[in-house]
Amino acid sequence: MDAMVRMDRSVDTVVNDLEILLRRTRELKKEISAIEVSERCEGHVFRINELLADLQARVEGIESFIKACRIRAHREEPPAEDIDLWM
């Protein structure tokens, strides 16, 4: 198996895991929104939702970056220095 095929399989595995993480964060948001929250706990629930939104944005960013790296790796031209260093 050549290096590009191995890389694609590894990328697919990571992207699949990231998609699972994104699904879980959406499920958590939905579950949290269904909880009846007392006024005393309202701030905590708000903070949890903020943290989930931050987590979701970061995972989406990682997913986009990995997909962009794969696309650039398949191009015939040499990759940009930043991606070459990362890979």
PDB file of N, CA and C in Angstrom:
ATOM      1  N   MET A   1       0.857  -1.168   0.000  1.00  0.00           N
ATOM      2  CA  MET A   1       0.000   0.000   0.000  1.00  0.00           C
ATOM      3  C   MET A   1       0.907   1.237   0.000  1.00  0.00           C
ATOM      4  N   ASP A   2       0.606   2.154  -0.905  1.00  0.00           N
ATOM      5  CA  ASP A   2       1.479   3.326  -0.977  1.00  0.00           C
ATOM      6  C   ASP A   2       1.127   4.359   0.095  1.00  0.00           C
ATOM      7  N   ALA A   3       2.015   5.316   0.246  1.00  0.00           N
ATOM      8  CA  ALA A   3       1.900   6.309   1.324  1.00  0.00           C
ATOM      9  C   ALA A   3       0.616   7.135   1.213  1.00  0.00           C
ATOM     10  N   MET A   4       0.216   7.481  -0.001  1.00  0.00           N
ATOM     11  CA  MET A   4      -0.972   8.315  -0.186  1.00  0.00           C
ATOM     12  C   MET A   4      -2.240   7.569   0.256  1.00  0.00           C
ATOM     13  N   VAL A   5      -2.320   6.281  -0.052  1.00  0.00           N
ATOM     14  CA  VAL A   5      -3.478   5.481   0.358  1.00  0.00           C
ATOM     15  C   VAL A   5      -3.515   5.369   1.886  1.00  0.00           C
ATOM     16  N   ARG A   6      -2.354   5.133   2.496  1.00  0.00           N
ATOM     17  CA  ARG A   6      -2.300   5.060   3.965  1.00  0.00           C
ATOM     18  C   ARG A   6      -2.717   6.389   4.587  1.00  0.00           C
ATOM     19  N   MET A   7      -2.234   7.492   3.999  1.00  0.00           N
ATOM     20  CA  MET A   7      -2.607   8.803   4.515  1.00  0.00           C
ATOM     21  C   MET A   7      -4.111   9.015   4.400  1.00  0.00           C
ATOM     22  N   ASP A   8      -4.679   8.660   3.239  1.00  0.00           N
ATOM     23  CA  ASP A   8      -6.124   8.837   3.051  1.00  0.00           C
ATOM     24  C   ASP A   8      -6.921   8.034   4.070  1.00  0.00           C
ATOM     25  N   ARG A   9      -6.498   6.822   4.351  1.00  0.00           N
ATOM     26  CA  ARG A   9      -7.197   6.002   5.339  1.00  0.00           C
ATOM     27  C   ARG A   9      -7.102   6.623   6.728  1.00  0.00           C
ATOM     28  N   SER A  10      -5.927   7.130   7.059  1.00  0.00           N
ATOM     29  CA  SER A  10      -5.748   7.776   8.361  1.00  0.00           C
ATOM     30  C   SER A  10      -6.604   9.032   8.470  1.00  0.00           C
ATOM     31  N   VAL A  11      -6.622   9.818   7.397  1.00  0.00           N
ATOM     32  CA  VAL A  11      -7.441  11.033   7.382  1.00  0.00           C
ATOM     33  C   VAL A  11      -8.909  10.672   7.512  1.00  0.00           C
ATOM     34  N   ASP A  12      -9.357   9.661   6.795  1.00  0.00           N
ATOM     35  CA  ASP A  12     -10.753   9.232   6.893  1.00  0.00           C
ATOM     36  C   ASP A  12     -11.108   8.835   8.324  1.00  0.00           C
ATOM     37  N   THR A  13     -10.208   8.142   8.996  1.00  0.00           N
ATOM     38  CA  THR A  13     -10.443   7.730  10.380  1.00  0.00           C
ATOM     39  C   THR A  13     -10.570   8.943  11.289  1.00  0.00           C
ATOM     40  N   VAL A  14      -9.662   9.904  11.123  1.00  0.00           N
ATOM     41  CA  VAL A  14      -9.696  11.112  11.963  1.00  0.00           C
ATOM     42  C   VAL A  14     -10.954  11.922  11.673  1.00  0.00           C
ATOM     43  N   VAL A  15     -11.278  12.103  10.403  1.00  0.00           N
ATOM     44  CA  VAL A  15     -12.481  12.866  10.035  1.00  0.00           C
ATOM     45  C   VAL A  15     -13.729  12.180  10.588  1.00  0.00           C
ATOM     46  N   ASN A  16     -13.784  10.861  10.517  1.00  0.00           N
ATOM     47  CA  ASN A  16     -14.916  10.130  11.078  1.00  0.00           C
ATOM     48  C   ASN A  16     -15.033  10.384  12.584  1.00  0.00           C
ATOM     49  N   ASP A  17     -13.906  10.333  13.289  1.00  0.00           N
ATOM     50  CA  ASP A  17     -13.926  10.606  14.727  1.00  0.00           C
ATOM     51  C   ASP A  17     -14.381  12.037  15.019  1.00  0.00           C
ATOM     52  N   LEU A  18     -13.934  12.987  14.210  1.00  0.00           N
ATOM     53  CA  LEU A  18     -14.354  14.379  14.400  1.00  0.00           C
ATOM     54  C   LEU A  18     -15.849  14.536  14.148  1.00  0.00           C
ATOM     55  N   GLU A  19     -16.367  13.839  13.147  1.00  0.00           N
ATOM     56  CA  GLU A  19     -17.810  13.899  12.878  1.00  0.00           C
ATOM     57  C   GLU A  19     -18.599  13.327  14.048  1.00  0.00           C
ATOM     58  N   ILE A  20     -18.087  12.274  14.668  1.00  0.00           N
ATOM     59  CA  ILE A  20     -18.729  11.707  15.853  1.00  0.00           C
ATOM     60  C   ILE A  20     -18.710  12.730  16.985  1.00  0.00           C
ATOM     61  N   LEU A  21     -17.585  13.392  17.191  1.00  0.00           N
ATOM     62  CA  LEU A  21     -17.501  14.431  18.221  1.00  0.00           C
ATOM     63  C   LEU A  21     -18.510  15.544  17.979  1.00  0.00           C
ATOM     64  N   LEU A  22     -18.656  15.961  16.736  1.00  0.00           N
ATOM     65  CA  LEU A  22     -19.618  17.014  16.414  1.00  0.00           C
ATOM     66  C   LEU A  22     -21.048  16.564  16.671  1.00  0.00           C
ATOM     67  N   ARG A  23     -21.347  15.309  16.327  1.00  0.00           N
ATOM     68  CA  ARG A  23     -22.684  14.776  16.612  1.00  0.00           C
ATOM     69  C   ARG A  23     -22.948  14.758  18.108  1.00  0.00           C
ATOM     70  N   ARG A  24     -21.950  14.339  18.877  1.00  0.00           N
ATOM     71  CA  ARG A  24     -22.097  14.276  20.336  1.00  0.00           C
ATOM     72  C   ARG A  24     -22.308  15.665  20.940  1.00  0.00           C
ATOM     73  N   THR A  25     -21.599  16.668  20.424  1.00  0.00           N
ATOM     74  CA  THR A  25     -21.799  18.019  20.967  1.00  0.00           C
ATOM     75  C   THR A  25     -23.211  18.515  20.655  1.00  0.00           C
ATOM     76  N   ARG A  26     -23.715  18.196  19.461  1.00  0.00           N
ATOM     77  CA  ARG A  26     -25.096  18.589  19.138  1.00  0.00           C
ATOM     78  C   ARG A  26     -26.091  17.867  20.037  1.00  0.00           C
ATOM     79  N   GLU A  27     -25.832  16.578  20.299  1.00  0.00           N
ATOM     80  CA  GLU A  27     -26.698  15.816  21.195  1.00  0.00           C
ATOM     81  C   GLU A  27     -26.661  16.395  22.607  1.00  0.00           C
ATOM     82  N   LEU A  28     -25.479  16.760  23.080  1.00  0.00           N
ATOM     83  CA  LEU A  28     -25.357  17.363  24.407  1.00  0.00           C
ATOM     84  C   LEU A  28     -26.120  18.676  24.498  1.00  0.00           C
ATOM     85  N   LYS A  29     -25.983  19.518  23.478  1.00  0.00           N
ATOM     86  CA  LYS A  29     -26.723  20.780  23.465  1.00  0.00           C
ATOM     87  C   LYS A  29     -28.223  20.534  23.552  1.00  0.00           C
ATOM     88  N   LYS A  30     -28.688  19.550  22.794  1.00  0.00           N
ATOM     89  CA  LYS A  30     -30.116  19.226  22.784  1.00  0.00           C
ATOM     90  C   LYS A  30     -30.563  18.731  24.164  1.00  0.00           C
ATOM     91  N   GLU A  31     -29.779  17.860  24.771  1.00  0.00           N
ATOM     92  CA  GLU A  31     -30.110  17.335  26.097  1.00  0.00           C
ATOM     93  C   GLU A  31     -30.113  18.445  27.151  1.00  0.00           C
ATOM     94  N   ILE A  32     -29.130  19.321  27.080  1.00  0.00           N
ATOM     95  CA  ILE A  32     -29.046  20.419  28.043  1.00  0.00           C
ATOM     96  C   ILE A  32     -30.235  21.357  27.893  1.00  0.00           C
ATOM     97  N   SER A  33     -30.642  21.613  26.660  1.00  0.00           N
ATOM     98  CA  SER A  33     -31.777  22.519  26.445  1.00  0.00           C
ATOM     99  C   SER A  33     -33.092  21.918  26.951  1.00  0.00           C
ATOM    100  N   ALA A  34     -33.136  20.597  27.081  1.00  0.00           N
ATOM    101  CA  ALA A  34     -34.357  19.941  27.563  1.00  0.00           C
ATOM    102  C   ALA A  34     -34.448  19.914  29.088  1.00  0.00           C
ATOM    103  N   ILE A  35     -33.354  20.239  29.769  1.00  0.00           N
ATOM    104  CA  ILE A  35     -33.345  20.210  31.229  1.00  0.00           C
ATOM    105  C   ILE A  35     -34.030  21.465  31.777  1.00  0.00           C
ATOM    106  N   GLU A  36     -34.887  21.248  32.749  1.00  0.00           N
ATOM    107  CA  GLU A  36     -35.498  22.390  33.435  1.00  0.00           C
ATOM    108  C   GLU A  36     -34.480  22.929  34.428  1.00  0.00           C
ATOM    109  N   VAL A  37     -34.114  24.183  34.236  1.00  0.00           N
ATOM    110  CA  VAL A  37     -33.039  24.771  35.022  1.00  0.00           C
ATOM    111  C   VAL A  37     -33.606  25.800  35.989  1.00  0.00           C
ATOM    112  N   SER A  38     -33.186  25.683  37.234  1.00  0.00           N
ATOM    113  CA  SER A  38     -33.607  26.674  38.216  1.00  0.00           C
ATOM    114  C   SER A  38     -32.822  27.966  37.978  1.00  0.00           C
ATOM    115  N   GLU A  39     -33.321  29.033  38.510  1.00  0.00           N
ATOM    116  CA  GLU A  39     -32.665  30.323  38.361  1.00  0.00           C
ATOM    117  C   GLU A  39     -31.244  30.285  38.928  1.00  0.00           C
ATOM    118  N   ARG A  40     -31.066  29.502  39.963  1.00  0.00           N
ATOM    119  CA  ARG A  40     -29.768  29.371  40.621  1.00  0.00           C
ATOM    120  C   ARG A  40     -28.717  28.727  39.706  1.00  0.00           C
ATOM    121  N   CYS A  41     -29.157  27.821  38.844  1.00  0.00           N
ATOM    122  CA  CYS A  41     -28.233  27.077  37.970  1.00  0.00           C
ATOM    123  C   CYS A  41     -28.129  27.667  36.567  1.00  0.00           C
ATOM    124  N   GLU A  42     -28.896  28.686  36.297  1.00  0.00           N
ATOM    125  CA  GLU A  42     -28.945  29.241  34.953  1.00  0.00           C
ATOM    126  C   GLU A  42     -27.565  29.656  34.429  1.00  0.00           C
ATOM    127  N   GLY A  43     -26.762  30.270  35.251  1.00  0.00           N
ATOM    128  CA  GLY A  43     -25.426  30.702  34.848  1.00  0.00           C
ATOM    129  C   GLY A  43     -24.527  29.532  34.486  1.00  0.00           C
ATOM    130  N   HIS A  44     -24.656  28.441  35.238  1.00  0.00           N
ATOM    131  CA  HIS A  44     -23.852  27.254  34.957  1.00  0.00           C
ATOM    132  C   HIS A  44     -24.237  26.636  33.611  1.00  0.00           C
ATOM    133  N   VAL A  45     -25.510  26.575  33.349  1.00  0.00           N
ATOM    134  CA  VAL A  45     -25.973  26.002  32.073  1.00  0.00           C
ATOM    135  C   VAL A  45     -25.522  26.886  30.914  1.00  0.00           C
ATOM    136  N   PHE A  46     -25.599  28.191  31.111  1.00  0.00           N
ATOM    137  CA  PHE A  46     -25.125  29.118  30.075  1.00  0.00           C
ATOM    138  C   PHE A  46     -23.645  28.881  29.802  1.00  0.00           C
ATOM    139  N   ARG A  47     -22.856  28.725  30.852  1.00  0.00           N
ATOM    140  CA  ARG A  47     -21.409  28.493  30.699  1.00  0.00           C
ATOM    141  C   ARG A  47     -21.141  27.159  29.989  1.00  0.00           C
ATOM    142  N   ILE A  48     -21.901  26.120  30.332  1.00  0.00           N
ATOM    143  CA  ILE A  48     -21.747  24.825  29.670  1.00  0.00           C
ATOM    144  C   ILE A  48     -22.045  24.958  28.175  1.00  0.00           C
ATOM    145  N   ASN A  49     -23.092  25.689  27.836  1.00  0.00           N
ATOM    146  CA  ASN A  49     -23.423  25.902  26.422  1.00  0.00           C
ATOM    147  C   ASN A  49     -22.329  26.683  25.699  1.00  0.00           C
ATOM    148  N   GLU A  50     -21.735  27.666  26.387  1.00  0.00           N
ATOM    149  CA  GLU A  50     -20.609  28.398  25.790  1.00  0.00           C
ATOM    150  C   GLU A  50     -19.437  27.465  25.509  1.00  0.00           C
ATOM    151  N   LEU A  51     -19.115  26.621  26.477  1.00  0.00           N
ATOM    152  CA  LEU A  51     -18.001  25.687  26.313  1.00  0.00           C
ATOM    153  C   LEU A  51     -18.267  24.698  25.185  1.00  0.00           C
ATOM    154  N   LEU A  52     -19.497  24.220  25.084  1.00  0.00           N
ATOM    155  CA  LEU A  52     -19.843  23.310  23.990  1.00  0.00           C
ATOM    156  C   LEU A  52     -19.727  23.993  22.633  1.00  0.00           C
ATOM    157  N   ALA A  53     -20.167  25.246  22.555  1.00  0.00           N
ATOM    158  CA  ALA A  53     -20.066  25.987  21.294  1.00  0.00           C
ATOM    159  C   ALA A  53     -18.603  26.182  20.907  1.00  0.00           C
ATOM    160  N   ASP A  54     -17.752  26.478  21.894  1.00  0.00           N
ATOM    161  CA  ASP A  54     -16.325  26.626  21.630  1.00  0.00           C
ATOM    162  C   ASP A  54     -15.725  25.309  21.154  1.00  0.00           C
ATOM    163  N   LEU A  55     -16.078  24.227  21.823  1.00  0.00           N
ATOM    164  CA  LEU A  55     -15.592  22.906  21.436  1.00  0.00           C
ATOM    165  C   LEU A  55     -16.011  22.572  20.012  1.00  0.00           C
ATOM    166  N   GLN A  56     -17.265  22.830  19.699  1.00  0.00           N
ATOM    167  CA  GLN A  56     -17.782  22.532  18.367  1.00  0.00           C
ATOM    168  C   GLN A  56     -17.036  23.343  17.301  1.00  0.00           C
ATOM    169  N   ALA A  57     -16.806  24.612  17.552  1.00  0.00           N
ATOM    170  CA  ALA A  57     -16.096  25.458  16.582  1.00  0.00           C
ATOM    171  C   ALA A  57     -14.665  24.962  16.367  1.00  0.00           C
ATOM    172  N   ARG A  58     -14.005  24.547  17.444  1.00  0.00           N
ATOM    173  CA  ARG A  58     -12.630  24.067  17.319  1.00  0.00           C
ATOM    174  C   ARG A  58     -12.565  22.746  16.550  1.00  0.00           C
ATOM    175  N   VAL A  59     -13.501  21.850  16.816  1.00  0.00           N
ATOM    176  CA  VAL A  59     -13.518  20.567  16.108  1.00  0.00           C
ATOM    177  C   VAL A  59     -13.811  20.792  14.627  1.00  0.00           C
ATOM    178  N   GLU A  60     -14.738  21.690  14.325  1.00  0.00           N
ATOM    179  CA  GLU A  60     -15.023  22.007  12.919  1.00  0.00           C
ATOM    180  C   GLU A  60     -13.796  22.588  12.230  1.00  0.00           C
ATOM    181  N   GLY A  61     -13.041  23.422  12.939  1.00  0.00           N
ATOM    182  CA  GLY A  61     -11.825  23.994  12.375  1.00  0.00           C
ATOM    183  C   GLY A  61     -10.776  22.930  12.093  1.00  0.00           C
ATOM    184  N   ILE A  62     -10.612  22.007  13.029  1.00  0.00           N
ATOM    185  CA  ILE A  62      -9.652  20.909  12.835  1.00  0.00           C
ATOM    186  C   ILE A  62     -10.073  20.053  11.645  1.00  0.00           C
ATOM    187  N   GLU A  63     -11.356  19.756  11.559  1.00  0.00           N
ATOM    188  CA  GLU A  63     -11.863  18.945  10.450  1.00  0.00           C
ATOM    189  C   GLU A  63     -11.587  19.636   9.108  1.00  0.00           C
ATOM    190  N   SER A  64     -11.857  20.921   9.023  1.00  0.00           N
ATOM    191  CA  SER A  64     -11.605  21.669   7.784  1.00  0.00           C
ATOM    192  C   SER A  64     -10.130  21.682   7.438  1.00  0.00           C
ATOM    193  N   PHE A  65      -9.280  21.859   8.436  1.00  0.00           N
ATOM    194  CA  PHE A  65      -7.843  21.887   8.206  1.00  0.00           C
ATOM    195  C   PHE A  65      -7.346  20.545   7.677  1.00  0.00           C
ATOM    196  N   ILE A  66      -7.804  19.466   8.274  1.00  0.00           N
ATOM    197  CA  ILE A  66      -7.374  18.129   7.844  1.00  0.00           C
ATOM    198  C   ILE A  66      -7.827  17.850   6.414  1.00  0.00           C
ATOM    199  N   LYS A  67      -9.056  18.218   6.097  1.00  0.00           N
ATOM    200  CA  LYS A  67      -9.549  18.016   4.731  1.00  0.00           C
ATOM    201  C   LYS A  67      -8.746  18.853   3.733  1.00  0.00           C
ATOM    202  N   ALA A  68      -8.406  20.086   4.103  1.00  0.00           N
ATOM    203  CA  ALA A  68      -7.607  20.944   3.218  1.00  0.00           C
ATOM    204  C   ALA A  68      -6.212  20.355   3.018  1.00  0.00           C
ATOM    205  N   CYS A  69      -5.638  19.797   4.076  1.00  0.00           N
ATOM    206  CA  CYS A  69      -4.318  19.169   3.955  1.00  0.00           C
ATOM    207  C   CYS A  69      -4.366  17.995   2.990  1.00  0.00           C
ATOM    208  N   ARG A  70      -5.425  17.199   3.077  1.00  0.00           N
ATOM    209  CA  ARG A  70      -5.533  16.052   2.166  1.00  0.00           C
ATOM    210  C   ARG A  70      -5.643  16.521   0.718  1.00  0.00           C
ATOM    211  N   ILE A  71      -6.451  17.533   0.484  1.00  0.00           N
ATOM    212  CA  ILE A  71      -6.612  18.049  -0.876  1.00  0.00           C
ATOM    213  C   ILE A  71      -5.274  18.542  -1.415  1.00  0.00           C
ATOM    214  N   ARG A  72      -4.555  19.281  -0.585  1.00  0.00           N
ATOM    215  CA  ARG A  72      -3.266  19.811  -1.031  1.00  0.00           C
ATOM    216  C   ARG A  72      -2.243  18.697  -1.223  1.00  0.00           C
ATOM    217  N   ALA A  73      -2.318  17.656  -0.434  1.00  0.00           N
ATOM    218  CA  ALA A  73      -1.369  16.545  -0.563  1.00  0.00           C
ATOM    219  C   ALA A  73      -1.564  15.810  -1.887  1.00  0.00           C
ATOM    220  N   HIS A  74      -2.785  15.825  -2.417  1.00  0.00           N
ATOM    221  CA  HIS A  74      -3.072  15.125  -3.671  1.00  0.00           C
ATOM    222  C   HIS A  74      -2.750  15.961  -4.903  1.00  0.00           C
ATOM    223  N   ARG A  75      -2.469  17.223  -4.720  1.00  0.00           N
ATOM    224  CA  ARG A  75      -2.106  18.062  -5.860  1.00  0.00           C
ATOM    225  C   ARG A  75      -0.728  17.664  -6.364  1.00  0.00           C
ATOM    226  N   GLU A  76      -0.493  17.941  -7.611  1.00  0.00           N
ATOM    227  CA  GLU A  76       0.797  17.619  -8.221  1.00  0.00           C
ATOM    228  C   GLU A  76       1.892  18.583  -7.772  1.00  0.00           C
ATOM    229  N   GLU A  77       1.492  19.801  -7.438  1.00  0.00           N
ATOM    230  CA  GLU A  77       2.481  20.804  -7.036  1.00  0.00           C
ATOM    231  C   GLU A  77       2.930  20.548  -5.595  1.00  0.00           C
ATOM    232  N   PRO A  78       4.099  21.001  -5.226  1.00  0.00           N
ATOM    233  CA  PRO A  78       4.553  20.807  -3.842  1.00  0.00           C
ATOM    234  C   PRO A  78       3.664  21.587  -2.877  1.00  0.00           C
ATOM    235  N   PRO A  79       3.416  21.052  -1.683  1.00  0.00           N
ATOM    236  CA  PRO A  79       2.537  21.742  -0.742  1.00  0.00           C
ATOM    237  C   PRO A  79       3.169  23.023  -0.216  1.00  0.00           C
ATOM    238  N   ALA A  80       2.320  23.902   0.256  1.00  0.00           N
ATOM    239  CA  ALA A  80       2.798  25.134   0.882  1.00  0.00           C
ATOM    240  C   ALA A  80       3.628  24.762   2.104  1.00  0.00           C
ATOM    241  N   GLU A  81       4.539  25.623   2.467  1.00  0.00           N
ATOM    242  CA  GLU A  81       5.474  25.304   3.548  1.00  0.00           C
ATOM    243  C   GLU A  81       4.760  24.983   4.855  1.00  0.00           C
ATOM    244  N   ASP A  82       3.710  25.745   5.194  1.00  0.00           N
ATOM    245  CA  ASP A  82       3.030  25.514   6.463  1.00  0.00           C
ATOM    246  C   ASP A  82       2.409  24.117   6.527  1.00  0.00           C
ATOM    247  N   ILE A  83       1.792  23.670   5.452  1.00  0.00           N
ATOM    248  CA  ILE A  83       1.188  22.345   5.435  1.00  0.00           C
ATOM    249  C   ILE A  83       2.274  21.268   5.373  1.00  0.00           C
ATOM    250  N   ASP A  84       3.320  21.523   4.604  1.00  0.00           N
ATOM    251  CA  ASP A  84       4.422  20.579   4.516  1.00  0.00           C
ATOM    252  C   ASP A  84       5.046  20.354   5.897  1.00  0.00           C
ATOM    253  N   LEU A  85       5.244  21.408   6.650  1.00  0.00           N
ATOM    254  CA  LEU A  85       5.797  21.278   8.001  1.00  0.00           C
ATOM    255  C   LEU A  85       4.847  20.521   8.911  1.00  0.00           C
ATOM    256  N   TRP A  86       3.548  20.809   8.799  1.00  0.00           N
ATOM    257  CA  TRP A  86       2.561  20.162   9.670  1.00  0.00           C
ATOM    258  C   TRP A  86       2.496  18.673   9.389  1.00  0.00           C
ATOM    259  N   MET A  87       2.532  18.298   8.109  1.00  0.00           N
ATOM    260  CA  MET A  87       2.413  16.893   7.744  1.00  0.00           C
ATOM    261  C   MET A  87       3.667  16.141   8.131  1.00  0.00           C
TER     262      MET A  87
END
